[in-house]
Amino acid sequence: MADGFELAPGVALGGGALPVIAGPCVIEGRDWLVGFGQELQAMSHRLGLPLIFKSSFDKANRSSGDSFRGPGLGEGLEALEEVKAVTGLPVLTDIHEPNQCGAAAEVCDVLQIPAFLCRQTDLVIEAAATGRALLIKKGQFMAPADMARTVDKARATGNARVAVTERGSSFGYHNLVVDMRSFRILAEHGIAVLYDVTHSLQLPGARENESGGDRRFAEPLTRAAIAAGAAGLYLEVHPDPDSARCDRETQLPLQRAENLLLSALEIHRSRNAEGPWV
């Protein structure tokens, strides 16, 4: 069984509730971010779900060097700090270099290691050493069991609050597939795993200057992941996905995200009623 812990204030992994991490892919503006944070806060209250707000200050791995990356570390953290102050929601962002960890940890309740960087030892150790909860995305090139070594690096700092996100594995060129066995395999290593709904829908590099995606599979994959033992959900939500400045083909509009979470809650309750499945 995976070990449970408090991921952020009021948000526990391994308890009876279904924790959710949600927010837009990248910070597109400070006032815009705060306003949308309030909408997500209202949704979390309607559903009775513990929620962590997420957004990136820098999309450092865009397909094209000309693509929008975000406001940068300083301005981005100020925006996230305001979201936290206005909504009361805990916040998460991803870091890309060891020297970003300290500043991010002063604002964010959870730090995230991007999938492409999950084997960067210095980054993992520096992030874990801040004492903040750490969410490590499983690389598209990593077998589930191999993530145990990455988690061990983080836990060696004395920080036990480490979880992993399953976001799919490379399936040939320009495609991903989610191996539902991952949730059980990692749980057997004592690792809590969240399912990344929207990044699993990506078609990496499938467009000329950006990744594509296919939202059709958001609901069935989410239901399968919860049934297979996912400890929580991670999804990117946007007020108007078609106009988003990043991942426009995979981010979900708010109402669709809310309906998806309602469906996931039903399966989660059924799973809990049956007892631990993994």
Protein backbone atom coordinates (compact mmCIF):
# COMPACT_ATOMS: atom_id res chain seq x y z
CA MET A 1 0.00 0.00 0.00
CA ALA A 2 1.09 3.57 -0.69
CA ASP A 3 1.93 5.72 2.31
CA GLY A 4 -0.50 8.54 3.06
CA PHE A 5 0.52 12.06 4.07
CA GLU A 6 -0.62 15.68 3.99
CA LEU A 7 0.22 17.00 0.54
CA ALA A 8 -0.78 20.55 1.49
CA PRO A 9 -2.85 22.15 4.26
CA GLY A 10 -6.24 20.45 4.18
CA VAL A 11 -5.26 18.14 1.32
CA ALA A 12 -4.28 14.59 2.28
CA LEU A 13 -3.20 11.66 0.15
CA GLY A 14 -4.34 8.27 1.31
CA GLY A 15 -7.39 9.49 3.23
CA GLY A 16 -11.06 9.15 2.42
CA ALA A 17 -11.28 12.19 0.14
CA LEU A 18 -10.20 12.48 -3.49
CA PRO A 19 -7.52 15.20 -3.70
CA VAL A 20 -7.38 17.27 -6.88
CA ILE A 21 -4.68 19.49 -8.34
CA ALA A 22 -6.13 21.82 -10.97
CA GLY A 23 -5.42 25.07 -12.74
CA PRO A 24 -4.29 26.53 -16.05
CA CYS A 25 -1.18 25.29 -17.82
CA VAL A 26 0.68 28.60 -17.62
CA ILE A 27 0.14 31.97 -15.95
CA GLU A 28 -1.33 34.22 -18.65
CA GLY A 29 -1.83 37.28 -16.44
CA ARG A 30 -2.04 38.11 -12.74
CA ASP A 31 -5.63 39.35 -12.49
CA TRP A 32 -6.73 36.62 -14.90
CA LEU A 33 -5.09 33.98 -12.69
CA VAL A 34 -6.65 35.27 -9.48
CA GLY A 35 -10.10 35.43 -11.05
CA PHE A 36 -9.87 31.90 -12.34
CA GLY A 37 -8.53 30.74 -8.99
CA GLN A 38 -11.74 32.00 -7.42
CA GLU A 39 -13.77 29.99 -9.93
CA LEU A 40 -11.84 26.83 -9.08
CA GLN A 41 -12.26 27.53 -5.37
CA ALA A 42 -16.02 27.76 -5.88
CA MET A 43 -15.99 24.48 -7.81
CA SER A 44 -14.08 22.72 -5.04
CA HIS A 45 -16.70 23.88 -2.53
CA ARG A 46 -19.56 22.69 -4.74
CA LEU A 47 -17.99 19.25 -5.07
CA GLY A 48 -16.62 19.00 -1.56
CA LEU A 49 -13.20 18.18 -2.97
CA PRO A 50 -9.87 19.29 -1.46
CA LEU A 51 -8.09 21.24 -4.20
CA ILE A 52 -4.59 22.55 -4.84
CA PHE A 53 -4.30 25.33 -7.41
CA LYS A 54 -1.54 24.87 -10.01
CA SER A 55 0.03 26.95 -12.74
CA SER A 56 3.48 27.37 -14.28
CA PHE A 57 5.58 30.53 -14.26
CA ASP A 58 7.70 29.16 -17.11
CA LYS A 59 7.01 26.49 -19.72
CA ALA A 60 10.65 25.68 -20.31
CA ASN A 61 10.16 22.77 -22.73
CA ARG A 62 7.90 24.25 -25.42
CA SER A 63 8.12 22.65 -28.86
CA SER A 64 9.07 25.97 -30.47
CA GLY A 65 11.47 28.60 -29.21
CA ASP A 66 8.92 31.21 -30.31
CA SER A 67 6.11 29.86 -28.10
CA PHE A 68 4.82 31.73 -25.04
CA ARG A 69 6.59 30.56 -21.89
CA GLY A 70 5.03 32.59 -19.08
CA PRO A 71 5.90 35.60 -16.91
CA GLY A 72 9.02 34.16 -15.30
CA LEU A 73 9.89 33.23 -11.73
CA GLY A 74 9.46 36.53 -9.88
CA GLU A 75 6.25 37.76 -11.46
CA GLY A 76 4.82 34.25 -11.56
CA LEU A 77 5.37 33.61 -7.86
CA GLU A 78 3.78 36.97 -7.02
CA ALA A 79 0.68 35.94 -8.98
CA LEU A 80 0.51 32.56 -7.24
CA GLU A 81 0.96 34.23 -3.86
CA GLU A 82 -2.03 36.46 -4.59
CA VAL A 83 -4.14 33.47 -5.65
CA LYS A 84 -3.26 31.83 -2.35
CA ALA A 85 -4.13 34.97 -0.35
CA VAL A 86 -7.43 35.64 -2.13
CA THR A 87 -8.77 32.09 -2.38
CA GLY A 88 -7.17 30.36 0.59
CA LEU A 89 -6.20 27.50 -1.72
CA PRO A 90 -2.77 25.90 -1.41
CA VAL A 91 -0.68 26.37 -4.56
CA LEU A 92 1.73 24.32 -6.68
CA THR A 93 4.21 25.21 -9.38
CA ASP A 94 6.96 23.40 -11.24
CA ILE A 95 10.65 24.22 -11.02
CA HIS A 96 13.30 23.53 -13.64
CA GLU A 97 16.60 24.45 -12.01
CA PRO A 98 17.96 23.88 -8.48
CA ASN A 99 18.36 27.63 -7.91
CA GLN A 100 14.59 28.15 -8.31
CA CYS A 101 13.62 25.84 -5.45
CA GLY A 102 14.15 28.21 -2.52
CA ALA A 103 12.09 31.06 -3.93
CA ALA A 104 9.30 28.73 -5.07
CA ALA A 105 9.18 27.06 -1.65
CA GLU A 106 8.61 30.42 0.05
CA VAL A 107 5.28 30.75 -1.79
CA CYS A 108 4.16 27.29 -2.88
CA ASP A 109 2.89 24.46 -0.71
CA VAL A 110 3.91 21.84 -3.28
CA LEU A 111 6.83 21.80 -5.71
CA GLN A 112 6.63 19.81 -8.92
CA ILE A 113 9.43 18.16 -10.88
CA PRO A 114 8.59 18.08 -14.62
CA ALA A 115 8.52 14.69 -16.35
CA PHE A 116 11.50 15.45 -18.58
CA LEU A 117 13.56 16.34 -15.48
CA CYS A 118 12.55 13.50 -13.15
CA ARG A 119 16.04 11.96 -13.27
CA GLN A 120 17.90 15.21 -12.58
CA THR A 121 19.35 14.31 -9.19
CA ASP A 122 20.45 17.81 -8.15
CA LEU A 123 17.01 19.24 -8.91
CA VAL A 124 15.14 16.47 -7.09
CA ILE A 125 17.35 16.73 -4.00
CA GLU A 126 17.26 20.53 -3.85
CA ALA A 127 13.47 20.58 -4.18
CA ALA A 128 12.96 17.90 -1.54
CA ALA A 129 15.38 19.61 0.83
CA THR A 130 13.10 22.66 1.03
CA GLY A 131 10.74 20.55 3.13
CA ARG A 132 7.79 21.28 0.86
CA ALA A 133 5.74 18.38 -0.44
CA LEU A 134 7.17 17.17 -3.73
CA LEU A 135 5.25 15.91 -6.76
CA ILE A 136 7.47 14.15 -9.29
CA LYS A 137 6.05 13.53 -12.73
CA LYS A 138 6.96 10.13 -14.14
CA GLY A 139 8.95 10.62 -17.32
CA GLN A 140 7.37 9.39 -20.52
CA PHE A 141 10.50 7.25 -20.89
CA MET A 142 10.39 5.67 -17.41
CA ALA A 143 9.03 2.31 -16.31
CA PRO A 144 6.78 2.66 -13.26
CA ALA A 145 9.03 0.67 -10.91
CA ASP A 146 12.06 2.75 -11.91
CA MET A 147 10.45 5.80 -10.33
CA ALA A 148 11.10 4.23 -6.93
CA ARG A 149 14.77 5.21 -7.26
CA THR A 150 13.83 8.80 -8.01
CA VAL A 151 11.54 8.89 -4.98
CA ASP A 152 14.34 7.40 -2.86
CA LYS A 153 16.61 10.31 -3.86
CA ALA A 154 14.02 12.76 -2.56
CA ARG A 155 13.26 10.83 0.62
CA ALA A 156 16.98 10.61 1.43
CA THR A 157 16.82 14.32 2.31
CA GLY A 158 14.50 13.45 5.20
CA ASN A 159 11.40 14.64 3.35
CA ALA A 160 8.82 11.84 3.33
CA ARG A 161 6.12 13.89 1.57
CA VAL A 162 6.85 12.70 -1.96
CA ALA A 163 4.29 11.56 -4.54
CA VAL A 164 4.41 10.67 -8.23
CA THR A 165 2.20 11.67 -11.16
CA GLU A 166 1.39 9.21 -13.96
CA ARG A 167 1.11 11.12 -17.23
CA GLY A 168 1.53 8.39 -19.83
CA SER A 169 4.41 6.68 -21.62
CA SER A 170 5.76 7.22 -25.12
CA PHE A 171 3.99 4.97 -27.59
CA GLY A 172 5.94 5.35 -30.79
CA TYR A 173 6.27 8.86 -32.19
CA HIS A 174 3.81 11.64 -31.27
CA ASN A 175 1.69 9.48 -28.98
CA LEU A 176 1.27 8.46 -25.35
CA VAL A 177 -0.46 5.55 -23.67
CA VAL A 178 -1.34 5.16 -19.98
CA ASP A 179 -0.36 1.86 -18.39
CA MET A 180 -2.98 1.40 -15.68
CA ARG A 181 -0.71 -1.09 -13.92
CA SER A 182 1.42 1.87 -12.81
CA PHE A 183 -0.86 2.71 -9.90
CA ARG A 184 -0.53 -0.71 -8.32
CA ILE A 185 3.17 -1.11 -9.11
CA LEU A 186 4.07 2.19 -7.46
CA ALA A 187 1.70 1.59 -4.54
CA GLU A 188 3.57 -1.65 -3.86
CA HIS A 189 6.70 0.49 -3.50
CA GLY A 190 4.90 2.66 -0.92
CA ILE A 191 4.42 5.55 -3.37
CA ALA A 192 1.18 7.50 -3.78
CA VAL A 193 0.35 8.17 -7.43
CA LEU A 194 -1.89 10.87 -8.89
CA TYR A 195 -3.27 10.58 -12.40
CA ASP A 196 -2.49 13.49 -14.75
CA VAL A 197 -5.63 13.59 -16.85
CA THR A 198 -4.78 16.24 -19.40
CA HIS A 199 -1.10 15.64 -20.12
CA SER A 200 -1.99 12.00 -20.80
CA LEU A 201 -4.08 13.29 -23.71
CA GLN A 202 -1.13 14.94 -25.42
CA LEU A 203 0.16 14.04 -28.86
CA PRO A 204 3.72 15.31 -28.31
CA GLY A 205 5.12 17.31 -31.19
CA ALA A 206 2.19 16.35 -33.41
CA ARG A 207 1.70 19.92 -34.65
CA GLU A 208 4.26 21.96 -36.55
CA ASN A 209 5.21 24.20 -33.61
CA GLU A 210 3.34 22.68 -30.67
CA SER A 211 2.02 19.47 -29.20
CA GLY A 212 -1.45 18.30 -30.12
CA GLY A 213 -3.94 16.36 -28.05
CA ASP A 214 -7.27 14.56 -27.94
CA ARG A 215 -9.78 15.52 -25.23
CA ARG A 216 -12.15 12.70 -26.18
CA PHE A 217 -10.37 10.36 -23.83
CA ALA A 218 -10.35 12.54 -20.69
CA GLU A 219 -13.37 10.91 -19.06
CA PRO A 220 -12.75 7.21 -19.83
CA LEU A 221 -9.09 7.39 -18.84
CA THR A 222 -9.95 9.21 -15.62
CA ARG A 223 -12.54 6.61 -14.67
CA ALA A 224 -10.08 3.81 -15.41
CA ALA A 225 -7.32 5.46 -13.37
CA ILE A 226 -9.52 5.93 -10.31
CA ALA A 227 -10.70 2.32 -10.54
CA ALA A 228 -7.08 1.19 -10.88
CA GLY A 229 -6.08 2.92 -7.65
CA ALA A 230 -5.00 6.50 -8.42
CA ALA A 231 -4.63 8.42 -5.15
CA GLY A 232 -5.75 11.70 -6.68
CA LEU A 233 -6.22 13.64 -9.90
CA TYR A 234 -4.20 16.32 -11.67
CA LEU A 235 -5.76 18.27 -14.50
CA GLU A 236 -5.27 21.49 -16.38
CA VAL A 237 -8.35 23.68 -16.65
CA HIS A 238 -8.78 26.90 -18.61
CA PRO A 239 -11.63 29.43 -19.01
CA ASP A 240 -11.35 29.13 -22.81
CA PRO A 241 -9.06 26.26 -23.84
CA ASP A 242 -9.20 27.09 -27.54
CA SER A 243 -7.55 30.44 -26.85
CA ALA A 244 -5.05 29.10 -24.29
CA ARG A 245 -1.42 30.01 -24.83
CA CYS A 246 -0.25 26.48 -24.05
CA ASP A 247 -1.73 22.97 -24.40
CA ARG A 248 -4.91 24.30 -25.99
CA GLU A 249 -5.95 20.84 -27.24
CA THR A 250 -5.79 19.14 -23.84
CA GLN A 251 -6.87 21.68 -21.21
CA LEU A 252 -10.49 21.31 -20.12
CA PRO A 253 -13.16 24.00 -19.78
CA LEU A 254 -14.40 24.44 -16.23
CA GLN A 255 -17.84 22.84 -16.63
CA ARG A 256 -16.40 19.77 -18.32
CA ALA A 257 -13.79 19.45 -15.58
CA GLU A 258 -16.52 19.65 -12.93
CA ASN A 259 -18.57 16.94 -14.64
CA LEU A 260 -15.48 14.75 -14.96
CA LEU A 261 -14.75 15.14 -11.26
CA LEU A 262 -18.33 14.24 -10.34
CA SER A 263 -17.96 11.00 -12.29
CA ALA A 264 -14.58 10.32 -10.70
CA LEU A 265 -16.05 10.87 -7.24
CA GLU A 266 -18.68 8.19 -7.80
CA ILE A 267 -16.04 5.63 -8.73
CA HIS A 268 -13.79 6.73 -5.87
CA ARG A 269 -16.61 6.25 -3.35
CA SER A 270 -17.39 2.82 -4.77
CA ARG A 271 -13.73 1.86 -4.59
CA ASN A 272 -13.48 2.99 -0.97
CA ALA A 273 -16.65 1.10 -0.06
CA GLU A 274 -15.13 -2.10 -1.39
CA GLY A 275 -11.95 -1.56 0.64
CA PRO A 276 -8.40 -0.95 -0.60
CA TRP A 277 -7.92 -2.23 -4.14
CA VAL A 278 -4.16 -1.75 -4.23
